N, C-alpha and C. Protein backbone atom coordinates (compact mmCIF):
# COMPACT_ATOMS: atom_id res chain seq x y z
N UNK A 1 0.82 -1.20 0.04
CA UNK A 1 -0.02 0.03 0.01
C UNK A 1 0.85 1.25 -0.01
N UNK A 2 0.52 2.25 -0.78
CA UNK A 2 1.26 3.41 -0.90
C UNK A 2 0.98 4.32 0.34
N UNK A 3 2.12 4.89 0.93
CA UNK A 3 2.03 5.63 2.14
C UNK A 3 1.19 6.92 2.00
N UNK A 4 1.08 7.38 0.67
CA UNK A 4 0.36 8.58 0.38
C UNK A 4 -1.12 8.37 -0.01
N UNK A 5 -1.57 7.10 -0.09
CA UNK A 5 -2.90 6.84 -0.60
C UNK A 5 -4.07 7.51 0.34
N UNK A 6 -3.80 7.67 1.66
CA UNK A 6 -4.83 8.39 2.41
C UNK A 6 -5.08 9.81 1.95
N UNK A 7 -4.17 10.37 1.22
CA UNK A 7 -4.32 11.76 0.78
C UNK A 7 -4.78 11.87 -0.63
N UNK A 8 -5.40 10.79 -1.29
CA UNK A 8 -5.87 10.76 -2.55
C UNK A 8 -7.41 11.11 -2.56
N UNK A 9 -7.83 11.91 -3.49
CA UNK A 9 -9.23 12.17 -3.63
C UNK A 9 -9.79 11.53 -4.93
N UNK A 10 -10.81 10.67 -4.79
CA UNK A 10 -11.35 10.00 -5.98
C UNK A 10 -12.09 11.10 -6.83
N UNK A 11 -11.61 11.37 -8.02
CA UNK A 11 -12.21 12.35 -8.81
C UNK A 11 -13.16 11.74 -9.96
N UNK A 12 -12.90 10.48 -10.24
CA UNK A 12 -13.68 9.84 -11.24
C UNK A 12 -15.08 9.65 -10.60
N UNK A 13 -16.10 10.08 -11.17
CA UNK A 13 -17.52 9.89 -10.71
C UNK A 13 -17.90 10.93 -9.66
N UNK A 14 -17.01 11.80 -9.31
CA UNK A 14 -17.31 12.92 -8.40
C UNK A 14 -18.20 13.97 -9.10
N UNK A 15 -19.30 14.29 -8.54
CA UNK A 15 -20.28 15.21 -9.21
C UNK A 15 -19.71 16.60 -9.23
N UNK A 16 -20.20 17.35 -10.22
CA UNK A 16 -19.82 18.72 -10.35
C UNK A 16 -20.39 19.50 -9.15
N UNK A 17 -19.58 20.33 -8.49
CA UNK A 17 -20.00 21.06 -7.35
C UNK A 17 -18.94 21.14 -6.31
N UNK A 18 -19.29 21.55 -5.06
CA UNK A 18 -18.33 21.74 -3.98
C UNK A 18 -18.33 20.49 -3.07
N UNK A 19 -17.09 20.18 -2.69
CA UNK A 19 -16.84 18.99 -1.80
C UNK A 19 -15.89 19.34 -0.82
N UNK A 20 -15.97 19.01 0.37
CA UNK A 20 -15.02 19.30 1.54
C UNK A 20 -14.29 18.01 1.96
N UNK A 21 -13.01 18.21 2.29
CA UNK A 21 -12.19 17.20 2.77
C UNK A 21 -11.30 17.73 3.90
N UNK A 22 -11.09 16.89 4.92
CA UNK A 22 -10.13 17.22 6.04
C UNK A 22 -9.01 16.29 6.20
N UNK A 23 -7.85 16.73 6.36
CA UNK A 23 -6.64 15.89 6.59
C UNK A 23 -5.91 16.43 7.78
N UNK A 24 -5.42 15.49 8.61
CA UNK A 24 -4.50 15.84 9.74
C UNK A 24 -3.22 15.20 9.39
N UNK A 25 -2.15 15.99 9.39
CA UNK A 25 -0.80 15.41 9.12
C UNK A 25 0.12 15.76 10.39
N UNK A 26 1.05 14.85 10.63
CA UNK A 26 1.88 15.02 11.75
C UNK A 26 3.32 14.64 11.33
N UNK A 27 4.21 14.44 12.35
CA UNK A 27 5.67 14.15 12.04
C UNK A 27 5.86 12.88 11.09
N UNK A 28 5.00 11.93 11.30
CA UNK A 28 5.12 10.73 10.49
C UNK A 28 4.90 11.07 8.99
N UNK A 29 3.97 11.90 8.71
CA UNK A 29 3.72 12.36 7.30
C UNK A 29 4.95 13.08 6.78
N UNK A 30 5.53 13.97 7.57
CA UNK A 30 6.68 14.72 7.03
C UNK A 30 7.95 13.87 6.90
N UNK A 31 7.98 12.78 7.74
CA UNK A 31 9.17 11.90 7.68
C UNK A 31 9.17 11.10 6.36
N UNK A 32 8.07 11.04 5.63
CA UNK A 32 8.03 10.33 4.35
C UNK A 32 8.77 11.12 3.26
N UNK A 33 9.00 12.39 3.51
CA UNK A 33 9.72 13.28 2.51
C UNK A 33 11.20 13.39 2.95
N UNK A 34 12.05 13.15 1.94
CA UNK A 34 13.51 13.20 2.20
C UNK A 34 13.90 14.60 2.65
N UNK A 35 14.75 14.77 3.64
CA UNK A 35 15.31 16.09 4.14
C UNK A 35 14.22 17.05 4.53
N UNK A 36 13.11 16.56 5.10
CA UNK A 36 12.03 17.51 5.42
C UNK A 36 12.46 18.45 6.56
N UNK A 37 12.25 19.73 6.48
CA UNK A 37 12.63 20.69 7.52
C UNK A 37 11.55 20.66 8.69
N UNK A 38 10.51 19.90 8.53
CA UNK A 38 9.46 19.77 9.50
C UNK A 38 9.52 18.36 10.15
N UNK A 39 9.55 18.36 11.47
CA UNK A 39 9.54 17.08 12.23
C UNK A 39 8.25 16.93 13.01
N UNK A 40 8.38 16.94 14.28
CA UNK A 40 7.21 16.79 15.17
C UNK A 40 6.30 17.96 14.85
N UNK A 41 4.97 17.61 14.55
CA UNK A 41 4.03 18.64 14.19
C UNK A 41 2.64 18.09 14.29
N UNK A 42 1.64 19.00 14.11
CA UNK A 42 0.31 18.70 14.03
C UNK A 42 -0.33 19.76 13.19
N UNK A 43 -0.71 19.38 11.94
CA UNK A 43 -1.30 20.41 11.11
C UNK A 43 -2.60 19.85 10.50
N UNK A 44 -3.62 20.66 10.49
CA UNK A 44 -4.88 20.29 9.84
C UNK A 44 -5.08 21.06 8.53
N UNK A 45 -5.48 20.31 7.58
CA UNK A 45 -5.76 20.86 6.21
C UNK A 45 -7.29 20.70 5.98
N UNK A 46 -7.93 21.79 5.72
CA UNK A 46 -9.31 21.82 5.31
C UNK A 46 -9.25 22.18 3.83
N UNK A 47 -9.77 21.30 3.07
CA UNK A 47 -9.66 21.37 1.64
C UNK A 47 -11.05 21.42 1.02
N UNK A 48 -11.37 22.53 0.32
CA UNK A 48 -12.60 22.70 -0.45
C UNK A 48 -12.27 22.45 -1.85
N UNK A 49 -13.03 21.58 -2.48
CA UNK A 49 -12.83 21.27 -3.90
C UNK A 49 -14.03 21.75 -4.67
N UNK A 50 -13.81 22.59 -5.71
CA UNK A 50 -14.80 23.05 -6.61
C UNK A 50 -14.63 22.22 -7.83
N UNK A 51 -15.48 21.15 -8.03
CA UNK A 51 -15.37 20.20 -9.20
C UNK A 51 -16.13 20.80 -10.32
N UNK A 52 -15.39 21.06 -11.40
CA UNK A 52 -16.03 21.54 -12.60
C UNK A 52 -15.82 20.54 -13.73
N UNK A 53 -16.52 20.70 -14.79
CA UNK A 53 -16.37 19.80 -15.90
C UNK A 53 -15.06 19.75 -16.53
N UNK A 54 -14.36 20.95 -16.55
CA UNK A 54 -13.04 21.01 -17.24
C UNK A 54 -11.85 21.16 -16.22
N UNK A 55 -12.08 21.38 -14.96
CA UNK A 55 -11.01 21.59 -14.03
C UNK A 55 -11.45 21.33 -12.57
N UNK A 56 -10.44 21.27 -11.74
CA UNK A 56 -10.65 21.14 -10.25
C UNK A 56 -10.02 22.40 -9.61
N UNK A 57 -10.72 23.03 -8.71
CA UNK A 57 -10.18 24.13 -8.00
C UNK A 57 -10.13 23.74 -6.51
N UNK A 58 -8.91 23.71 -6.01
CA UNK A 58 -8.67 23.27 -4.51
C UNK A 58 -8.34 24.53 -3.76
N UNK A 59 -8.99 24.73 -2.71
CA UNK A 59 -8.67 25.78 -1.66
C UNK A 59 -8.23 25.10 -0.40
N UNK A 60 -6.97 25.32 -0.03
CA UNK A 60 -6.39 24.82 1.16
C UNK A 60 -6.42 25.70 2.24
N UNK A 61 -6.81 25.34 3.46
CA UNK A 61 -6.72 26.10 4.64
C UNK A 61 -5.91 25.31 5.64
N UNK A 62 -4.79 25.76 6.02
CA UNK A 62 -3.91 25.01 6.92
C UNK A 62 -3.76 25.74 8.26
N UNK A 63 -3.83 25.01 9.37
CA UNK A 63 -3.66 25.43 10.74
C UNK A 63 -3.05 24.44 11.59
N UNK A 64 -2.28 24.81 12.60
CA UNK A 64 -1.63 23.93 13.51
C UNK A 64 -0.37 24.41 14.00
N UNK A 65 0.58 23.52 14.36
CA UNK A 65 1.83 23.94 14.85
C UNK A 65 2.95 22.93 14.45
N UNK A 66 4.20 23.48 14.54
CA UNK A 66 5.37 22.50 14.38
C UNK A 66 6.21 22.72 15.67
N UNK A 67 6.83 21.60 16.01
CA UNK A 67 7.66 21.69 17.28
C UNK A 67 9.08 22.00 16.70
N UNK A 68 9.67 23.07 17.29
CA UNK A 68 10.98 23.53 16.84
C UNK A 68 11.71 24.19 18.01
N UNK A 69 12.89 24.66 17.76
CA UNK A 69 13.66 25.30 18.79
C UNK A 69 13.59 26.88 18.54
N UNK A 70 13.33 27.61 19.63
CA UNK A 70 13.26 28.98 19.52
C UNK A 70 14.67 29.61 19.11
N UNK A 71 14.79 30.49 18.13
CA UNK A 71 16.04 31.00 17.67
C UNK A 71 16.54 32.08 18.73
N UNK A 72 15.74 32.57 19.59
CA UNK A 72 16.15 33.56 20.60
C UNK A 72 16.75 32.89 21.90
N UNK A 73 15.98 31.95 22.40
CA UNK A 73 16.35 31.34 23.76
C UNK A 73 16.73 29.88 23.72
N UNK A 74 16.52 29.26 22.57
CA UNK A 74 16.82 27.76 22.41
C UNK A 74 15.86 26.84 23.12
N UNK A 75 14.72 27.28 23.59
CA UNK A 75 13.75 26.47 24.21
C UNK A 75 12.93 25.68 23.13
N UNK A 76 12.49 24.56 23.41
CA UNK A 76 11.52 23.88 22.49
C UNK A 76 10.18 24.52 22.49
N UNK A 77 9.64 24.88 21.36
CA UNK A 77 8.35 25.62 21.31
C UNK A 77 7.44 24.99 20.28
N UNK A 78 6.21 25.27 20.36
CA UNK A 78 5.19 24.91 19.40
C UNK A 78 4.94 26.15 18.58
N UNK A 79 5.51 26.18 17.30
CA UNK A 79 5.38 27.38 16.49
C UNK A 79 4.07 27.21 15.73
N UNK A 80 3.16 28.17 15.93
CA UNK A 80 1.93 28.08 15.17
C UNK A 80 2.07 28.39 13.70
N UNK A 81 1.43 27.65 12.83
CA UNK A 81 1.38 27.92 11.34
C UNK A 81 0.02 28.02 10.88
N UNK A 82 -0.20 29.02 10.06
CA UNK A 82 -1.49 29.14 9.42
C UNK A 82 -1.25 29.68 8.00
N UNK A 83 -2.09 29.17 7.06
CA UNK A 83 -1.83 29.59 5.64
C UNK A 83 -3.05 29.19 4.85
N UNK A 84 -3.21 29.88 3.74
CA UNK A 84 -4.26 29.56 2.77
C UNK A 84 -3.65 29.53 1.38
N UNK A 85 -3.90 28.55 0.58
CA UNK A 85 -3.36 28.39 -0.76
C UNK A 85 -4.46 27.86 -1.66
N UNK A 86 -4.25 28.04 -2.99
CA UNK A 86 -5.16 27.54 -4.01
C UNK A 86 -4.32 26.78 -5.04
N UNK A 87 -4.98 25.71 -5.51
CA UNK A 87 -4.38 24.81 -6.54
C UNK A 87 -5.41 24.71 -7.70
N UNK A 88 -4.94 24.90 -8.87
CA UNK A 88 -5.86 24.71 -10.03
C UNK A 88 -5.36 23.46 -10.80
N UNK A 89 -6.29 22.52 -11.05
CA UNK A 89 -5.91 21.26 -11.79
C UNK A 89 -6.82 21.26 -13.00
N UNK A 90 -6.19 21.21 -14.15
CA UNK A 90 -6.96 21.18 -15.42
C UNK A 90 -6.73 19.87 -16.08
N UNK A 91 -7.76 19.43 -16.80
CA UNK A 91 -7.74 18.15 -17.50
C UNK A 91 -7.12 18.46 -18.88
N UNK A 92 -6.18 17.63 -19.27
CA UNK A 92 -5.51 17.85 -20.56
C UNK A 92 -4.55 16.72 -20.88
N UNK A 93 -3.95 16.78 -22.03
CA UNK A 93 -3.00 15.80 -22.45
C UNK A 93 -1.54 16.02 -21.94
N UNK A 94 -1.27 17.18 -21.34
CA UNK A 94 0.02 17.53 -20.79
C UNK A 94 0.10 17.14 -19.36
N UNK A 95 -0.17 15.89 -19.11
CA UNK A 95 -0.18 15.34 -17.72
C UNK A 95 1.16 15.57 -16.98
N UNK A 96 1.16 15.94 -15.83
CA UNK A 96 2.30 16.17 -14.95
C UNK A 96 2.99 17.51 -15.15
N UNK A 97 2.63 18.27 -16.29
CA UNK A 97 3.26 19.55 -16.45
C UNK A 97 2.62 20.56 -15.59
N UNK A 98 3.33 21.59 -15.17
CA UNK A 98 2.77 22.74 -14.46
C UNK A 98 3.08 23.96 -15.12
N UNK A 99 2.12 24.93 -14.98
CA UNK A 99 2.25 26.25 -15.69
C UNK A 99 1.57 27.26 -14.81
N UNK A 100 2.39 28.12 -14.23
CA UNK A 100 1.90 29.23 -13.37
C UNK A 100 0.90 28.73 -12.34
N UNK A 101 1.22 27.80 -11.56
CA UNK A 101 0.40 27.29 -10.48
C UNK A 101 -0.80 26.53 -10.97
N UNK A 102 -0.67 25.97 -12.18
CA UNK A 102 -1.72 25.18 -12.80
C UNK A 102 -1.14 23.75 -13.10
N UNK A 103 -1.78 22.71 -12.63
CA UNK A 103 -1.31 21.35 -12.77
C UNK A 103 -2.27 20.72 -13.78
N UNK A 104 -1.66 19.93 -14.71
CA UNK A 104 -2.46 19.29 -15.68
C UNK A 104 -2.48 17.78 -15.43
N UNK A 105 -3.64 17.14 -15.49
CA UNK A 105 -3.81 15.72 -15.39
C UNK A 105 -4.51 15.16 -16.53
N UNK A 106 -4.47 13.90 -16.80
CA UNK A 106 -5.15 13.24 -17.81
C UNK A 106 -6.70 13.20 -17.57
N UNK A 107 -7.47 13.40 -18.58
CA UNK A 107 -8.90 13.41 -18.34
C UNK A 107 -9.51 12.15 -17.82
N UNK A 108 -8.78 11.01 -17.98
CA UNK A 108 -9.24 9.68 -17.49
C UNK A 108 -8.79 9.38 -16.13
N UNK A 109 -8.08 10.31 -15.42
CA UNK A 109 -7.50 10.10 -14.14
C UNK A 109 -8.63 9.76 -13.17
N UNK A 110 -8.37 8.72 -12.34
CA UNK A 110 -9.43 8.31 -11.38
C UNK A 110 -9.32 8.99 -10.01
N UNK A 111 -8.10 9.47 -9.71
CA UNK A 111 -7.86 10.04 -8.40
C UNK A 111 -6.82 11.16 -8.51
N UNK A 112 -6.73 11.94 -7.47
CA UNK A 112 -5.70 13.04 -7.50
C UNK A 112 -5.17 13.09 -6.09
N UNK A 113 -3.86 12.92 -5.94
CA UNK A 113 -3.15 12.85 -4.61
C UNK A 113 -2.65 14.15 -4.20
N UNK A 114 -3.10 14.59 -3.06
CA UNK A 114 -2.75 15.93 -2.48
C UNK A 114 -1.53 15.95 -1.59
N UNK A 115 -0.90 14.83 -1.26
CA UNK A 115 0.21 14.80 -0.30
C UNK A 115 1.36 15.72 -0.62
N UNK A 116 1.91 15.72 -1.84
CA UNK A 116 3.00 16.60 -2.21
C UNK A 116 2.62 18.00 -2.09
N UNK A 117 1.45 18.38 -2.47
CA UNK A 117 1.01 19.72 -2.28
C UNK A 117 0.86 20.22 -0.88
N UNK A 118 0.30 19.37 -0.03
CA UNK A 118 0.25 19.67 1.42
C UNK A 118 1.61 19.85 1.97
N UNK A 119 2.46 19.02 1.60
CA UNK A 119 3.89 19.16 2.07
C UNK A 119 4.55 20.40 1.60
N UNK A 120 4.37 20.81 0.39
CA UNK A 120 4.90 22.00 -0.22
C UNK A 120 4.29 23.26 0.50
N UNK A 121 3.04 23.27 0.65
CA UNK A 121 2.33 24.39 1.30
C UNK A 121 2.75 24.58 2.73
N UNK A 122 2.99 23.49 3.50
CA UNK A 122 3.47 23.54 4.86
C UNK A 122 4.90 24.11 4.88
N UNK A 123 5.70 23.63 4.03
CA UNK A 123 7.18 24.10 4.06
C UNK A 123 7.20 25.56 3.64
N UNK A 124 6.31 25.98 2.64
CA UNK A 124 6.33 27.36 2.22
C UNK A 124 5.82 28.33 3.37
N UNK A 125 5.05 27.83 4.24
CA UNK A 125 4.50 28.65 5.32
C UNK A 125 5.46 28.78 6.51
N UNK A 126 6.57 28.10 6.53
CA UNK A 126 7.54 28.15 7.61
C UNK A 126 8.08 29.58 7.75
N UNK A 127 8.13 30.09 9.03
CA UNK A 127 8.71 31.46 9.15
C UNK A 127 10.19 31.42 8.95
N UNK A 128 10.72 32.62 8.63
CA UNK A 128 12.23 32.71 8.42
C UNK A 128 12.91 32.52 9.81
N UNK A 129 12.34 33.12 10.84
CA UNK A 129 12.91 32.90 12.18
C UNK A 129 11.86 32.29 13.07
N UNK A 130 12.33 31.40 14.03
CA UNK A 130 11.37 30.75 14.91
C UNK A 130 11.62 31.40 16.27
N UNK A 131 10.75 32.30 16.50
CA UNK A 131 10.77 33.11 17.78
C UNK A 131 9.38 33.02 18.47
N UNK A 132 9.37 32.62 19.69
CA UNK A 132 8.15 32.46 20.43
C UNK A 132 7.75 33.82 21.02
N UNK A 133 6.46 34.18 20.86
CA UNK A 133 5.96 35.45 21.44
C UNK A 133 5.58 35.15 22.86
N UNK A 134 6.51 35.30 23.82
CA UNK A 134 6.23 34.98 25.21
C UNK A 134 5.38 36.01 25.98
N UNK A 135 5.12 37.11 25.31
CA UNK A 135 4.27 38.16 25.97
C UNK A 135 2.79 37.68 26.08
N UNK A 136 2.41 36.78 25.10
CA UNK A 136 0.98 36.38 25.10
C UNK A 136 0.73 35.17 26.00
N UNK A 137 1.69 34.59 26.64
CA UNK A 137 1.59 33.27 27.37
C UNK A 137 1.91 33.54 28.92
N UNK A 138 0.98 33.01 29.77
CA UNK A 138 1.16 33.24 31.20
C UNK A 138 2.38 32.33 31.68
N UNK A 139 2.63 31.18 31.09
CA UNK A 139 3.67 30.36 31.38
C UNK A 139 4.48 30.05 30.19
N UNK A 140 5.33 30.98 29.73
CA UNK A 140 6.08 30.78 28.43
C UNK A 140 7.17 29.65 28.58
N UNK A 141 7.41 28.88 27.63
CA UNK A 141 8.49 27.81 27.62
C UNK A 141 9.94 28.37 27.52
N UNK A 142 10.07 29.65 27.63
CA UNK A 142 11.36 30.27 27.39
C UNK A 142 12.51 29.78 28.29
N UNK A 143 13.69 29.77 27.80
CA UNK A 143 14.85 29.45 28.62
C UNK A 143 15.39 30.85 29.18
N UNK A 144 14.95 31.07 30.39
CA UNK A 144 15.28 32.39 30.97
C UNK A 144 16.73 32.68 31.23
N UNK A 145 17.43 31.61 31.39
CA UNK A 145 18.90 31.75 31.67
C UNK A 145 19.55 32.30 30.41
N UNK A 146 19.27 31.84 29.30
CA UNK A 146 19.73 32.33 28.06
C UNK A 146 19.32 33.77 27.76
N UNK A 147 18.07 34.02 27.98
CA UNK A 147 17.53 35.42 27.81
C UNK A 147 18.26 36.48 28.73
N UNK A 148 18.50 36.03 30.01
CA UNK A 148 19.24 36.82 30.91
C UNK A 148 20.70 37.12 30.51
N UNK A 149 21.34 36.09 29.97
CA UNK A 149 22.71 36.29 29.49
C UNK A 149 22.79 37.16 28.24
N UNK A 150 21.71 36.98 27.38
CA UNK A 150 21.69 37.86 26.16
C UNK A 150 21.47 39.30 26.55
N UNK A 151 20.72 39.62 27.50
CA UNK A 151 20.45 41.03 27.88
C UNK A 151 21.63 41.56 28.61
N UNK A 152 22.31 40.80 29.38
CA UNK A 152 23.46 41.16 30.19
C UNK A 152 24.68 41.47 29.14
N UNK A 153 24.81 40.63 28.13
CA UNK A 153 25.89 40.83 27.18
C UNK A 153 25.67 42.16 26.42
N UNK A 154 24.46 42.51 26.14
CA UNK A 154 24.19 43.68 25.38
C UNK A 154 24.54 44.93 26.24
N UNK A 155 24.37 44.85 27.52
CA UNK A 155 24.67 45.94 28.42
C UNK A 155 26.15 46.17 28.53
N UNK A 156 26.95 45.11 28.63
CA UNK A 156 28.37 45.22 28.71
C UNK A 156 28.96 45.83 27.43
N UNK A 157 28.46 45.55 26.27
CA UNK A 157 29.04 46.04 25.05
C UNK A 157 28.76 47.51 24.85
N UNK A 158 27.78 48.16 25.56
CA UNK A 158 27.47 49.55 25.34
C UNK A 158 28.62 50.44 25.82
N UNK A 159 29.28 50.05 26.85
CA UNK A 159 30.38 50.87 27.46
C UNK A 159 31.64 50.75 26.75
N UNK A 160 32.02 49.61 26.29
CA UNK A 160 33.33 49.43 25.69
C UNK A 160 33.13 48.85 24.27
N UNK A 161 33.74 49.56 23.30
CA UNK A 161 33.70 49.07 21.99
C UNK A 161 35.11 48.93 21.41
N UNK A 162 35.26 48.06 20.42
CA UNK A 162 36.51 47.91 19.77
C UNK A 162 36.99 49.19 19.08
N UNK A 163 36.02 49.99 18.70
CA UNK A 163 36.23 51.28 18.00
C UNK A 163 36.71 52.38 18.93
N UNK A 164 36.46 52.20 20.26
CA UNK A 164 36.89 53.25 21.21
C UNK A 164 38.36 53.50 21.21
N UNK A 165 39.08 52.41 20.96
CA UNK A 165 40.60 52.59 20.91
C UNK A 165 41.08 53.54 19.74
N UNK A 166 40.25 53.68 18.77
CA UNK A 166 40.55 54.54 17.58
C UNK A 166 40.20 56.02 17.79
N UNK A 167 39.41 56.28 18.86
CA UNK A 167 38.96 57.68 19.05
C UNK A 167 40.11 58.75 19.20
N UNK A 168 41.22 58.41 19.90
CA UNK A 168 42.30 59.37 19.96
C UNK A 168 42.90 59.75 18.56
N UNK A 169 42.74 58.91 17.59
CA UNK A 169 43.33 59.18 16.27
C UNK A 169 42.47 60.17 15.45
N UNK A 170 41.27 60.49 15.90
CA UNK A 170 40.32 61.38 15.16
C UNK A 170 40.88 62.77 14.94
N UNK A 171 41.67 63.20 15.96
CA UNK A 171 42.19 64.56 15.94
C UNK A 171 43.31 64.70 14.94
N UNK A 172 44.01 63.60 14.51
CA UNK A 172 45.17 63.68 13.70
C UNK A 172 44.81 63.88 12.23
């Protein structure tokens, strides 16, 4: 059995109109992809399919969290992720080709697998920096020892600078 088969939508025989699907993916899902930047996680995808006679319009709504290390204090945090994306799938003879966010599949295809698109959308929604907003949490998971050292190091640097030794040369 294919590991991605639970993420396939049967399109053969699906009536024209709107259809809803829900998928929950976790670390085991992301482990199926080589060198995945996402590990321990819990993401829910709500997928709305607008089935038309000549195309499929998918609207993805993703929400959940990934478990990662805070870039500021190195504590393990649950980084929230939310995103919305759209995928257009057209029926045609150019199966597998993509053109400006449009995917082409053969008109006789019986199903369409969403796994690679859910993976791609989750990776694209990752923030550049992983920083926990501890202001909003009554019991933040922050590593306060690291935060204290960071704030103390910043205070020491204000008084002495490497460039202060060059100040006497300004008058010359």
